[in-house]
N, C-alpha and C. Protein backbone atom coordinates (compact mmCIF):
# COMPACT_ATOMS: atom_id res chain seq x y z
N UNK A 1 8.36 20.78 1.23
CA UNK A 1 7.43 19.66 1.28
C UNK A 1 8.03 18.57 2.17
N UNK A 2 7.17 17.86 2.86
CA UNK A 2 7.57 16.80 3.77
C UNK A 2 7.09 15.46 3.23
N UNK A 3 7.71 14.40 3.72
CA UNK A 3 7.32 13.05 3.32
C UNK A 3 6.99 12.21 4.53
N UNK A 4 5.98 11.39 4.38
CA UNK A 4 5.64 10.38 5.37
C UNK A 4 5.73 9.04 4.67
N UNK A 5 6.47 8.12 5.28
CA UNK A 5 6.61 6.77 4.73
C UNK A 5 5.99 5.78 5.72
N UNK A 6 5.11 4.95 5.23
CA UNK A 6 4.60 3.82 6.00
C UNK A 6 5.08 2.60 5.24
N UNK A 7 6.07 1.92 5.81
CA UNK A 7 6.78 0.89 5.07
C UNK A 7 6.63 -0.49 5.71
N UNK A 8 6.64 -1.48 4.86
CA UNK A 8 6.65 -2.86 5.33
C UNK A 8 5.35 -3.31 5.96
N UNK A 9 4.23 -2.83 5.43
CA UNK A 9 2.94 -3.33 5.91
C UNK A 9 2.82 -4.78 5.43
N UNK A 10 2.85 -5.69 6.37
CA UNK A 10 2.86 -7.12 6.04
C UNK A 10 1.43 -7.65 6.04
N UNK A 11 1.06 -8.30 4.93
CA UNK A 11 -0.30 -8.78 4.75
C UNK A 11 -0.25 -10.18 4.12
N UNK A 12 -1.10 -11.07 4.61
CA UNK A 12 -1.30 -12.35 3.95
C UNK A 12 -2.56 -12.20 3.12
N UNK A 13 -2.45 -12.40 1.80
CA UNK A 13 -3.60 -12.16 0.92
C UNK A 13 -3.66 -13.23 -0.17
N UNK A 14 -4.69 -13.13 -1.01
CA UNK A 14 -5.03 -14.19 -1.96
C UNK A 14 -5.11 -13.68 -3.39
N UNK A 15 -4.12 -12.92 -3.82
CA UNK A 15 -4.09 -12.38 -5.18
C UNK A 15 -3.33 -13.30 -6.11
N UNK A 16 -3.70 -13.27 -7.38
CA UNK A 16 -2.96 -14.04 -8.37
C UNK A 16 -3.88 -14.61 -9.43
N UNK A 17 -3.28 -14.92 -10.56
CA UNK A 17 -4.03 -15.47 -11.69
C UNK A 17 -4.32 -16.96 -11.54
N UNK A 18 -3.53 -17.64 -10.75
CA UNK A 18 -3.72 -19.08 -10.57
C UNK A 18 -4.81 -19.34 -9.54
N UNK A 19 -5.61 -20.36 -9.79
CA UNK A 19 -6.68 -20.74 -8.87
C UNK A 19 -6.14 -21.06 -7.47
N UNK A 20 -4.97 -21.72 -7.45
CA UNK A 20 -4.36 -22.09 -6.17
C UNK A 20 -4.03 -20.86 -5.32
N UNK A 21 -3.64 -19.77 -5.98
CA UNK A 21 -3.31 -18.55 -5.24
C UNK A 21 -4.53 -18.00 -4.50
N UNK A 22 -5.70 -18.20 -5.08
CA UNK A 22 -6.93 -17.78 -4.43
C UNK A 22 -7.30 -18.63 -3.23
N UNK A 23 -6.80 -19.85 -3.20
CA UNK A 23 -7.08 -20.74 -2.07
C UNK A 23 -5.97 -20.71 -1.03
N UNK A 24 -4.72 -20.71 -1.48
CA UNK A 24 -3.58 -20.84 -0.58
C UNK A 24 -3.10 -19.47 -0.08
N UNK A 25 -3.03 -18.49 -0.98
CA UNK A 25 -2.55 -17.16 -0.62
C UNK A 25 -1.04 -17.11 -0.44
N UNK A 26 -0.53 -15.92 -0.15
CA UNK A 26 0.90 -15.75 0.13
C UNK A 26 1.13 -14.42 0.84
N UNK A 27 2.37 -14.18 1.17
CA UNK A 27 2.75 -12.97 1.90
C UNK A 27 3.04 -11.81 0.95
N UNK A 28 2.62 -10.63 1.38
CA UNK A 28 2.84 -9.39 0.63
C UNK A 28 3.39 -8.33 1.57
N UNK A 29 4.12 -7.39 0.98
CA UNK A 29 4.55 -6.19 1.69
C UNK A 29 4.06 -4.99 0.90
N UNK A 30 3.58 -3.98 1.62
CA UNK A 30 3.12 -2.75 0.99
C UNK A 30 3.84 -1.58 1.63
N UNK A 31 4.36 -0.69 0.79
CA UNK A 31 5.00 0.55 1.23
C UNK A 31 4.22 1.72 0.65
N UNK A 32 4.00 2.75 1.48
CA UNK A 32 3.28 3.94 1.04
C UNK A 32 4.14 5.15 1.33
N UNK A 33 4.36 5.99 0.30
CA UNK A 33 5.08 7.25 0.46
C UNK A 33 4.11 8.37 0.12
N UNK A 34 4.03 9.35 1.04
CA UNK A 34 3.13 10.49 0.83
C UNK A 34 3.90 11.78 1.02
N UNK A 35 3.75 12.70 0.07
CA UNK A 35 4.28 14.05 0.23
C UNK A 35 3.14 14.94 0.67
N UNK A 36 3.38 15.70 1.72
CA UNK A 36 2.37 16.58 2.29
C UNK A 36 3.09 17.67 3.06
N UNK A 37 2.36 18.65 3.52
CA UNK A 37 2.93 19.69 4.36
C UNK A 37 2.47 19.45 5.79
N UNK A 38 3.35 18.88 6.61
CA UNK A 38 2.98 18.63 8.00
C UNK A 38 3.68 19.59 8.95
N UNK A 39 4.09 20.76 8.43
CA UNK A 39 4.80 21.72 9.27
C UNK A 39 3.96 22.20 10.45
N UNK A 40 2.65 22.38 10.25
CA UNK A 40 1.80 22.80 11.36
C UNK A 40 1.73 21.72 12.44
N UNK A 41 1.63 20.48 12.03
CA UNK A 41 1.62 19.38 12.99
C UNK A 41 2.94 19.30 13.75
N UNK A 42 4.03 19.58 13.05
CA UNK A 42 5.35 19.53 13.68
C UNK A 42 5.51 20.59 14.77
N UNK A 43 4.85 21.73 14.60
CA UNK A 43 4.96 22.79 15.61
C UNK A 43 3.88 22.71 16.68
N UNK A 44 2.72 22.16 16.34
CA UNK A 44 1.60 22.13 17.29
C UNK A 44 1.43 20.78 17.99
N UNK A 45 2.07 19.74 17.46
CA UNK A 45 1.92 18.39 18.00
C UNK A 45 0.47 17.91 17.91
N UNK A 46 -0.21 18.30 16.82
CA UNK A 46 -1.64 18.02 16.62
C UNK A 46 -1.81 17.02 15.49
N UNK A 47 -2.30 15.82 15.81
CA UNK A 47 -2.48 14.75 14.83
C UNK A 47 -3.41 15.15 13.70
N UNK A 48 -4.38 16.01 13.96
CA UNK A 48 -5.33 16.40 12.91
C UNK A 48 -4.68 17.26 11.83
N UNK A 49 -3.45 17.69 12.04
CA UNK A 49 -2.75 18.54 11.07
C UNK A 49 -1.78 17.74 10.21
N UNK A 50 -1.88 16.44 10.27
CA UNK A 50 -1.02 15.57 9.46
C UNK A 50 -1.81 14.35 9.04
N UNK A 51 -1.14 13.37 8.44
CA UNK A 51 -1.77 12.13 8.00
C UNK A 51 -1.61 11.09 9.09
N UNK A 52 -2.72 10.50 9.48
CA UNK A 52 -2.73 9.48 10.52
C UNK A 52 -2.27 8.15 9.91
N UNK A 53 -1.16 7.61 10.41
CA UNK A 53 -0.60 6.36 9.88
C UNK A 53 -1.58 5.20 10.02
N UNK A 54 -2.40 5.23 11.06
CA UNK A 54 -3.37 4.15 11.28
C UNK A 54 -4.39 4.12 10.14
N UNK A 55 -4.80 5.28 9.66
CA UNK A 55 -5.73 5.34 8.52
C UNK A 55 -5.10 4.71 7.29
N UNK A 56 -3.84 5.03 7.04
CA UNK A 56 -3.12 4.45 5.90
C UNK A 56 -3.07 2.93 6.03
N UNK A 57 -2.69 2.45 7.19
CA UNK A 57 -2.61 1.01 7.44
C UNK A 57 -3.96 0.34 7.21
N UNK A 58 -5.02 0.92 7.73
CA UNK A 58 -6.35 0.32 7.59
C UNK A 58 -6.81 0.28 6.14
N UNK A 59 -6.51 1.30 5.36
CA UNK A 59 -6.87 1.31 3.94
C UNK A 59 -6.11 0.21 3.20
N UNK A 60 -4.83 0.09 3.48
CA UNK A 60 -4.02 -0.95 2.82
C UNK A 60 -4.57 -2.33 3.17
N UNK A 61 -4.82 -2.58 4.45
CA UNK A 61 -5.36 -3.89 4.87
C UNK A 61 -6.70 -4.18 4.19
N UNK A 62 -7.57 -3.19 4.14
CA UNK A 62 -8.88 -3.37 3.52
C UNK A 62 -8.75 -3.74 2.05
N UNK A 63 -7.96 -2.98 1.30
CA UNK A 63 -7.83 -3.24 -0.14
C UNK A 63 -7.08 -4.53 -0.43
N UNK A 64 -6.11 -4.87 0.40
CA UNK A 64 -5.39 -6.13 0.21
C UNK A 64 -6.30 -7.33 0.49
N UNK A 65 -7.37 -7.13 1.24
CA UNK A 65 -8.31 -8.19 1.56
C UNK A 65 -9.30 -8.48 0.45
N UNK A 66 -9.31 -7.67 -0.59
CA UNK A 66 -10.20 -7.88 -1.74
C UNK A 66 -9.41 -8.57 -2.84
N UNK A 67 -9.77 -9.78 -3.17
CA UNK A 67 -9.00 -10.58 -4.14
C UNK A 67 -8.97 -9.95 -5.52
N UNK A 68 -7.80 -9.95 -6.12
CA UNK A 68 -7.59 -9.53 -7.50
C UNK A 68 -6.63 -10.52 -8.16
N UNK A 69 -6.71 -10.61 -9.46
CA UNK A 69 -5.73 -11.42 -10.18
C UNK A 69 -4.38 -10.73 -10.21
N UNK A 70 -4.40 -9.40 -10.33
CA UNK A 70 -3.16 -8.64 -10.51
C UNK A 70 -2.90 -7.70 -9.33
N UNK A 71 -1.64 -7.68 -8.89
CA UNK A 71 -1.29 -6.72 -7.84
C UNK A 71 -1.33 -5.29 -8.37
N UNK A 72 -1.28 -5.14 -9.68
CA UNK A 72 -1.43 -3.81 -10.28
C UNK A 72 -2.80 -3.21 -9.91
N UNK A 73 -3.84 -4.05 -9.96
CA UNK A 73 -5.17 -3.57 -9.61
C UNK A 73 -5.27 -3.26 -8.12
N UNK A 74 -4.68 -4.09 -7.29
CA UNK A 74 -4.70 -3.84 -5.85
C UNK A 74 -4.00 -2.51 -5.54
N UNK A 75 -2.85 -2.30 -6.15
CA UNK A 75 -2.12 -1.04 -5.94
C UNK A 75 -2.94 0.17 -6.34
N UNK A 76 -3.65 0.07 -7.46
CA UNK A 76 -4.47 1.20 -7.91
C UNK A 76 -5.63 1.46 -6.95
N UNK A 77 -6.23 0.39 -6.44
CA UNK A 77 -7.31 0.57 -5.46
C UNK A 77 -6.80 1.25 -4.19
N UNK A 78 -5.62 0.87 -3.75
CA UNK A 78 -5.02 1.50 -2.56
C UNK A 78 -4.81 2.99 -2.83
N UNK A 79 -4.21 3.32 -3.97
CA UNK A 79 -3.99 4.73 -4.35
C UNK A 79 -5.31 5.49 -4.37
N UNK A 80 -6.32 4.92 -5.02
CA UNK A 80 -7.61 5.60 -5.15
C UNK A 80 -8.24 5.90 -3.80
N UNK A 81 -8.21 4.92 -2.89
CA UNK A 81 -8.83 5.15 -1.58
C UNK A 81 -8.02 6.12 -0.74
N UNK A 82 -6.70 6.04 -0.81
CA UNK A 82 -5.88 7.00 -0.07
C UNK A 82 -6.16 8.43 -0.54
N UNK A 83 -6.26 8.62 -1.85
CA UNK A 83 -6.55 9.96 -2.39
C UNK A 83 -7.93 10.45 -1.94
N UNK A 84 -8.88 9.54 -1.83
CA UNK A 84 -10.23 9.91 -1.41
C UNK A 84 -10.28 10.25 0.08
N UNK A 85 -9.57 9.49 0.90
CA UNK A 85 -9.70 9.61 2.35
C UNK A 85 -8.73 10.60 3.01
N UNK A 86 -7.59 10.87 2.38
CA UNK A 86 -6.57 11.70 3.02
C UNK A 86 -6.55 13.10 2.43
N UNK A 87 -6.43 14.09 3.29
CA UNK A 87 -6.36 15.48 2.88
C UNK A 87 -4.89 15.92 2.79
N UNK A 88 -4.62 16.83 1.88
CA UNK A 88 -3.30 17.46 1.82
C UNK A 88 -2.22 16.68 1.10
N UNK A 89 -2.59 15.65 0.36
CA UNK A 89 -1.58 14.88 -0.38
C UNK A 89 -1.10 15.68 -1.58
N UNK A 90 0.19 15.80 -1.72
CA UNK A 90 0.79 16.45 -2.89
C UNK A 90 1.31 15.42 -3.88
N UNK A 91 1.81 14.32 -3.33
CA UNK A 91 2.32 13.21 -4.14
C UNK A 91 2.08 11.93 -3.35
N UNK A 92 1.86 10.85 -4.08
CA UNK A 92 1.56 9.57 -3.45
C UNK A 92 2.22 8.46 -4.26
N UNK A 93 2.82 7.53 -3.54
CA UNK A 93 3.43 6.38 -4.20
C UNK A 93 3.13 5.14 -3.38
N UNK A 94 2.70 4.08 -4.06
CA UNK A 94 2.40 2.82 -3.41
C UNK A 94 3.21 1.71 -4.10
N UNK A 95 3.86 0.91 -3.28
CA UNK A 95 4.60 -0.25 -3.78
C UNK A 95 3.98 -1.50 -3.16
N UNK A 96 3.56 -2.43 -4.01
CA UNK A 96 3.01 -3.71 -3.56
C UNK A 96 4.00 -4.79 -3.99
N UNK A 97 4.44 -5.59 -3.02
CA UNK A 97 5.42 -6.64 -3.28
C UNK A 97 4.83 -8.00 -2.92
N UNK A 98 4.89 -8.90 -3.87
CA UNK A 98 4.47 -10.28 -3.66
C UNK A 98 5.73 -11.10 -3.38
N UNK A 99 5.77 -11.72 -2.21
CA UNK A 99 6.94 -12.50 -1.82
C UNK A 99 6.81 -13.94 -2.31
N UNK A 100 7.89 -14.47 -2.81
CA UNK A 100 7.94 -15.85 -3.30
C UNK A 100 6.81 -16.18 -4.27
N UNK A 101 6.72 -15.44 -5.38
CA UNK A 101 5.64 -15.69 -6.34
C UNK A 101 5.80 -17.06 -6.99
N UNK A 102 4.67 -17.70 -7.30
CA UNK A 102 4.74 -19.03 -7.92
C UNK A 102 5.14 -18.91 -9.39
N UNK A 103 6.41 -19.10 -9.65
CA UNK A 103 6.94 -19.02 -11.02
C UNK A 103 7.82 -20.23 -11.25
N UNK A 104 8.10 -20.48 -12.49
CA UNK A 104 9.00 -21.60 -12.82
C UNK A 104 10.44 -21.13 -12.69
N UNK A 105 10.84 -20.80 -11.48
CA UNK A 105 12.19 -20.34 -11.21
C UNK A 105 12.26 -19.81 -9.79
N UNK A 106 13.46 -19.51 -9.38
CA UNK A 106 13.70 -19.01 -8.03
C UNK A 106 13.61 -17.49 -8.03
N UNK A 107 12.46 -16.95 -7.67
CA UNK A 107 12.23 -15.51 -7.64
C UNK A 107 11.80 -15.13 -6.24
N UNK A 108 12.54 -14.25 -5.62
CA UNK A 108 12.26 -13.84 -4.23
C UNK A 108 11.02 -12.98 -4.11
N UNK A 109 10.85 -12.03 -5.07
CA UNK A 109 9.73 -11.11 -4.97
C UNK A 109 9.46 -10.44 -6.30
N UNK A 110 8.22 -10.00 -6.46
CA UNK A 110 7.81 -9.21 -7.61
C UNK A 110 7.08 -8.00 -7.05
N UNK A 111 7.41 -6.81 -7.56
CA UNK A 111 6.79 -5.58 -7.04
C UNK A 111 6.24 -4.73 -8.17
N UNK A 112 5.22 -3.94 -7.83
CA UNK A 112 4.74 -2.88 -8.72
C UNK A 112 4.80 -1.59 -7.90
N UNK A 113 5.03 -0.49 -8.60
CA UNK A 113 5.03 0.83 -7.96
C UNK A 113 4.13 1.74 -8.79
N UNK A 114 3.21 2.41 -8.10
CA UNK A 114 2.34 3.38 -8.74
C UNK A 114 2.61 4.73 -8.08
N UNK A 115 2.88 5.75 -8.90
CA UNK A 115 3.14 7.09 -8.39
C UNK A 115 2.11 8.06 -8.97
N UNK A 116 1.57 8.89 -8.13
CA UNK A 116 0.64 9.92 -8.58
C UNK A 116 0.92 11.21 -7.86
């Protein structure tokens, strides 16, 4: 089995439970790990035999653009659309990271990881 990683998708979005987060927004990073068999693509150099990274990027951007209170929900939406749109997935993992979350303390980031 092979893995494709699309890491560090940087998005400015408006998720969070606080009203201010919906107005001000903040920076997020999204990482996607996919297990698939791309051996045919590796020998034929044919993009249709593997997962197109641009499709992954576009799905992440689309779902991150839909406001949610919880990044858990955003991560699940990303997983659901990737599973619907991509063929040949054996395993899928999505990590959504909120940078500098508004908390009563110095916290650099908060992340969720969903694996299916």
